[in-house]
Amino acid sequence: MQKIPPAYFKMIEFELYNYDNTKEEIEVIKDEIIGGSPRPAGEQARVTNTAVSDPTFTKAAILTTNVTLLYMERTIKAIDRALMQLSESHNEIFELKYRQGNHWKQVLSKMYISERHYFRQRRELIEAVGMQMGICGFGSR
């Protein structure tokens, strides 16, 4: 198989670095949608020509069609699925490098692994996440 294109590699790394921020942003967006103004007490849902004018239905529709929210949720799920399939060592690299922001040399010293081992596992992590995200055309060499 061919090498992962650099643009995809960078995009996937960006998502890994922003994993915690993305999870927080998902909750903020959901809270904003759900916490929007509810229908006043006693008011009935209104039927229009095209749909029921029901705030609960509207909120559910927004939650299931918000493109940004859907992308962020798919990305988090892809990362989580990839991590479940990978080794403890891959997960530790994810934690130390992408969540804690350690420089790669610090990761080496904390994990007691070689430079070659680190870069191979980092590449495998990126590829696994990319595959879970549906980015095709690359894989292990």
C-alpha atoms as a PDB file:
ATOM      1  CA  MET A   1       0.000   0.000   0.000  1.00  0.00           C
ATOM      2  CA  GLN A   2       1.035   3.586  -0.493  1.00  0.00           C
ATOM      3  CA  LYS A   3       2.171   6.096   2.095  1.00  0.00           C
ATOM      4  CA  ILE A   4      -0.441   8.344   3.731  1.00  0.00           C
ATOM      5  CA  PRO A   5      -0.533  11.720   1.955  1.00  0.00           C
ATOM      6  CA  PRO A   6       1.000  14.523   4.065  1.00  0.00           C
ATOM      7  CA  ALA A   7      -2.191  16.635   3.962  1.00  0.00           C
ATOM      8  CA  TYR A   8      -4.233  13.757   5.429  1.00  0.00           C
ATOM      9  CA  PHE A   9      -1.532  13.063   7.987  1.00  0.00           C
ATOM     10  CA  LYS A  10      -1.619  16.678   9.185  1.00  0.00           C
ATOM     11  CA  MET A  11      -5.416  16.800   9.222  1.00  0.00           C
ATOM     12  CA  ILE A  12      -5.648  13.621  11.304  1.00  0.00           C
ATOM     13  CA  GLU A  13      -2.951  14.866  13.676  1.00  0.00           C
ATOM     14  CA  PHE A  14      -4.900  18.107  14.054  1.00  0.00           C
ATOM     15  CA  GLU A  15      -7.954  16.085  15.096  1.00  0.00           C
ATOM     16  CA  LEU A  16      -5.867  14.060  17.572  1.00  0.00           C
ATOM     17  CA  TYR A  17      -4.402  17.205  19.138  1.00  0.00           C
ATOM     18  CA  ASN A  18      -7.902  18.670  19.446  1.00  0.00           C
ATOM     19  CA  TYR A  19      -9.592  15.518  20.775  1.00  0.00           C
ATOM     20  CA  ASP A  20     -10.440  16.960  24.212  1.00  0.00           C
ATOM     21  CA  ASN A  21     -11.435  20.359  22.814  1.00  0.00           C
ATOM     22  CA  THR A  22     -13.694  18.696  20.263  1.00  0.00           C
ATOM     23  CA  LYS A  23     -15.409  16.617  22.952  1.00  0.00           C
ATOM     24  CA  GLU A  24     -16.025  19.783  24.988  1.00  0.00           C
ATOM     25  CA  GLU A  25     -17.296  21.670  21.944  1.00  0.00           C
ATOM     26  CA  ILE A  26     -19.737  18.848  21.161  1.00  0.00           C
ATOM     27  CA  GLU A  27     -21.238  19.242  24.620  1.00  0.00           C
ATOM     28  CA  VAL A  28     -21.418  23.042  24.285  1.00  0.00           C
ATOM     29  CA  ILE A  29     -23.203  22.808  20.926  1.00  0.00           C
ATOM     30  CA  LYS A  30     -25.640  20.178  22.235  1.00  0.00           C
ATOM     31  CA  ASP A  31     -26.348  22.249  25.348  1.00  0.00           C
ATOM     32  CA  GLU A  32     -26.991  25.339  23.225  1.00  0.00           C
ATOM     33  CA  ILE A  33     -29.379  23.450  20.947  1.00  0.00           C
ATOM     34  CA  ILE A  34     -31.204  21.642  23.745  1.00  0.00           C
ATOM     35  CA  GLY A  35     -31.224  24.644  26.055  1.00  0.00           C
ATOM     36  CA  GLY A  36     -32.893  26.867  23.471  1.00  0.00           C
ATOM     37  CA  SER A  37     -36.194  28.502  24.361  1.00  0.00           C
ATOM     38  CA  PRO A  38     -38.813  25.854  25.162  1.00  0.00           C
ATOM     39  CA  ARG A  39     -42.494  26.133  24.237  1.00  0.00           C
ATOM     40  CA  PRO A  40     -44.422  28.105  26.894  1.00  0.00           C
ATOM     41  CA  ALA A  41     -46.490  25.989  29.328  1.00  0.00           C
ATOM     42  CA  GLY A  42     -49.847  24.939  27.907  1.00  0.00           C
ATOM     43  CA  GLU A  43     -49.001  25.923  24.328  1.00  0.00           C
ATOM     44  CA  GLN A  44     -49.862  23.251  21.786  1.00  0.00           C
ATOM     45  CA  ALA A  45     -47.684  22.244  18.869  1.00  0.00           C
ATOM     46  CA  ARG A  46     -48.768  24.099  15.723  1.00  0.00           C
ATOM     47  CA  VAL A  47     -49.208  22.303  12.446  1.00  0.00           C
ATOM     48  CA  THR A  48     -47.884  24.144   9.402  1.00  0.00           C
ATOM     49  CA  ASN A  49     -48.081  23.221   5.735  1.00  0.00           C
ATOM     50  CA  THR A  50     -44.774  21.318   5.859  1.00  0.00           C
ATOM     51  CA  ALA A  51     -44.179  20.066   9.392  1.00  0.00           C
ATOM     52  CA  VAL A  52     -45.196  20.137  13.026  1.00  0.00           C
ATOM     53  CA  SER A  53     -44.050  23.326  14.720  1.00  0.00           C
ATOM     54  CA  ASP A  54     -42.810  21.548  17.834  1.00  0.00           C
ATOM     55  CA  PRO A  55     -39.686  22.905  19.565  1.00  0.00           C
ATOM     56  CA  THR A  56     -38.675  19.427  20.776  1.00  0.00           C
ATOM     57  CA  PHE A  57     -38.898  18.051  17.250  1.00  0.00           C
ATOM     58  CA  THR A  58     -37.004  21.070  15.947  1.00  0.00           C
ATOM     59  CA  LYS A  59     -34.201  20.551  18.481  1.00  0.00           C
ATOM     60  CA  ALA A  60     -33.987  16.843  17.620  1.00  0.00           C
ATOM     61  CA  ALA A  61     -33.841  17.719  13.930  1.00  0.00           C
ATOM     62  CA  ILE A  62     -31.049  20.231  14.518  1.00  0.00           C
ATOM     63  CA  LEU A  63     -29.089  17.721  16.628  1.00  0.00           C
ATOM     64  CA  THR A  64     -29.279  15.137  13.856  1.00  0.00           C
ATOM     65  CA  THR A  65     -28.579  17.474  10.937  1.00  0.00           C
ATOM     66  CA  ASN A  66     -26.023  19.974  12.272  1.00  0.00           C
ATOM     67  CA  VAL A  67     -23.103  19.338   9.908  1.00  0.00           C
ATOM     68  CA  THR A  68     -20.442  20.621  12.291  1.00  0.00           C
ATOM     69  CA  LEU A  69     -21.769  18.569  15.190  1.00  0.00           C
ATOM     70  CA  LEU A  70     -22.033  15.437  13.037  1.00  0.00           C
ATOM     71  CA  TYR A  71     -18.443  15.848  11.773  1.00  0.00           C
ATOM     72  CA  MET A  72     -17.094  16.329  15.294  1.00  0.00           C
ATOM     73  CA  GLU A  73     -19.007  13.310  16.645  1.00  0.00           C
ATOM     74  CA  ARG A  74     -17.841  11.101  13.767  1.00  0.00           C
ATOM     75  CA  THR A  75     -14.250  12.219  14.323  1.00  0.00           C
ATOM     76  CA  ILE A  76     -14.335  11.448  18.065  1.00  0.00           C
ATOM     77  CA  LYS A  77     -15.924   8.051  17.399  1.00  0.00           C
ATOM     78  CA  ALA A  78     -13.282   7.274  14.757  1.00  0.00           C
ATOM     79  CA  ILE A  79     -10.479   8.110  17.178  1.00  0.00           C
ATOM     80  CA  ASP A  80     -12.094   6.048  19.945  1.00  0.00           C
ATOM     81  CA  ARG A  81     -12.610   3.042  17.627  1.00  0.00           C
ATOM     82  CA  ALA A  82      -9.015   3.211  16.386  1.00  0.00           C
ATOM     83  CA  LEU A  83      -7.664   3.392  19.938  1.00  0.00           C
ATOM     84  CA  MET A  84      -9.723   0.343  20.951  1.00  0.00           C
ATOM     85  CA  GLN A  85      -8.143  -1.639  18.113  1.00  0.00           C
ATOM     86  CA  LEU A  86      -4.572  -0.533  18.782  1.00  0.00           C
ATOM     87  CA  SER A  87      -2.075  -1.599  21.417  1.00  0.00           C
ATOM     88  CA  GLU A  88      -1.523  -0.066  24.823  1.00  0.00           C
ATOM     89  CA  SER A  89       1.662   1.481  23.458  1.00  0.00           C
ATOM     90  CA  HIS A  90      -0.282   3.294  20.694  1.00  0.00           C
ATOM     91  CA  ASN A  91      -2.732   4.535  23.311  1.00  0.00           C
ATOM     92  CA  GLU A  92       0.128   5.780  25.462  1.00  0.00           C
ATOM     93  CA  ILE A  93       1.569   7.716  22.523  1.00  0.00           C
ATOM     94  CA  PHE A  94      -1.873   9.256  21.957  1.00  0.00           C
ATOM     95  CA  GLU A  95      -2.077  10.248  25.615  1.00  0.00           C
ATOM     96  CA  LEU A  96       1.454  11.616  25.948  1.00  0.00           C
ATOM     97  CA  LYS A  97       1.799  13.347  22.585  1.00  0.00           C
ATOM     98  CA  TYR A  98      -1.664  14.433  21.543  1.00  0.00           C
ATOM     99  CA  ARG A  99      -3.539  14.880  24.813  1.00  0.00           C
ATOM    100  CA  GLN A 100      -0.697  16.061  27.074  1.00  0.00           C
ATOM    101  CA  GLY A 101       1.253  17.842  24.313  1.00  0.00           C
ATOM    102  CA  ASN A 102       4.662  16.323  25.034  1.00  0.00           C
ATOM    103  CA  HIS A 103       7.405  16.725  22.435  1.00  0.00           C
ATOM    104  CA  TRP A 104       8.255  13.437  20.710  1.00  0.00           C
ATOM    105  CA  LYS A 105      11.605  13.241  22.526  1.00  0.00           C
ATOM    106  CA  GLN A 106       9.793  13.518  25.869  1.00  0.00           C
ATOM    107  CA  VAL A 107       7.473  10.696  24.789  1.00  0.00           C
ATOM    108  CA  LEU A 108      10.529   8.537  24.013  1.00  0.00           C
ATOM    109  CA  SER A 109      12.010   9.105  27.446  1.00  0.00           C
ATOM    110  CA  LYS A 110       8.710   8.533  29.272  1.00  0.00           C
ATOM    111  CA  MET A 111       7.919   5.337  27.378  1.00  0.00           C
ATOM    112  CA  TYR A 112      11.480   4.002  27.155  1.00  0.00           C
ATOM    113  CA  ILE A 113      11.123   3.246  23.451  1.00  0.00           C
ATOM    114  CA  SER A 114      13.364   3.849  20.454  1.00  0.00           C
ATOM    115  CA  GLU A 115      12.895   6.684  18.000  1.00  0.00           C
ATOM    116  CA  ARG A 116      12.136   4.197  15.242  1.00  0.00           C
ATOM    117  CA  HIS A 117       9.498   2.446  17.376  1.00  0.00           C
ATOM    118  CA  TYR A 118       7.873   5.777  18.264  1.00  0.00           C
ATOM    119  CA  PHE A 119       7.584   7.000  14.668  1.00  0.00           C
ATOM    120  CA  ARG A 120       6.274   3.625  13.446  1.00  0.00           C
ATOM    121  CA  GLN A 121       3.600   3.534  16.141  1.00  0.00           C
ATOM    122  CA  ARG A 122       2.658   7.168  15.571  1.00  0.00           C
ATOM    123  CA  ARG A 123       2.210   6.435  11.849  1.00  0.00           C
ATOM    124  CA  GLU A 124       0.120   3.346  12.661  1.00  0.00           C
ATOM    125  CA  LEU A 125      -2.041   5.439  14.996  1.00  0.00           C
ATOM    126  CA  ILE A 126      -2.582   8.089  12.311  1.00  0.00           C
ATOM    127  CA  GLU A 127      -3.402   5.429   9.707  1.00  0.00           C
ATOM    128  CA  ALA A 128      -5.844   3.621  12.010  1.00  0.00           C
ATOM    129  CA  VAL A 129      -7.701   6.852  12.759  1.00  0.00           C
ATOM    130  CA  GLY A 130      -7.718   7.715   9.053  1.00  0.00           C
ATOM    131  CA  MET A 131      -9.189   4.343   8.187  1.00  0.00           C
ATOM    132  CA  GLN A 132     -11.891   4.777  10.841  1.00  0.00           C
ATOM    133  CA  MET A 133     -12.643   8.242   9.430  1.00  0.00           C
ATOM    134  CA  GLY A 134     -13.127   6.681   6.009  1.00  0.00           C
ATOM    135  CA  ILE A 135     -10.039   8.175   4.426  1.00  0.00           C
ATOM    136  CA  CYS A 136      -8.914   5.480   1.997  1.00  0.00           C
ATOM    137  CA  GLY A 137      -5.932   4.867  -0.233  1.00  0.00           C
ATOM    138  CA  PHE A 138      -3.214   4.235   2.288  1.00  0.00           C
ATOM    139  CA  GLY A 139      -2.106   1.684   4.818  1.00  0.00           C
ATOM    140  CA  SER A 140       0.904   0.087   6.433  1.00  0.00           C
ATOM    141  CA  ARG A 141       3.926  -0.298   4.238  1.00  0.00           C
END
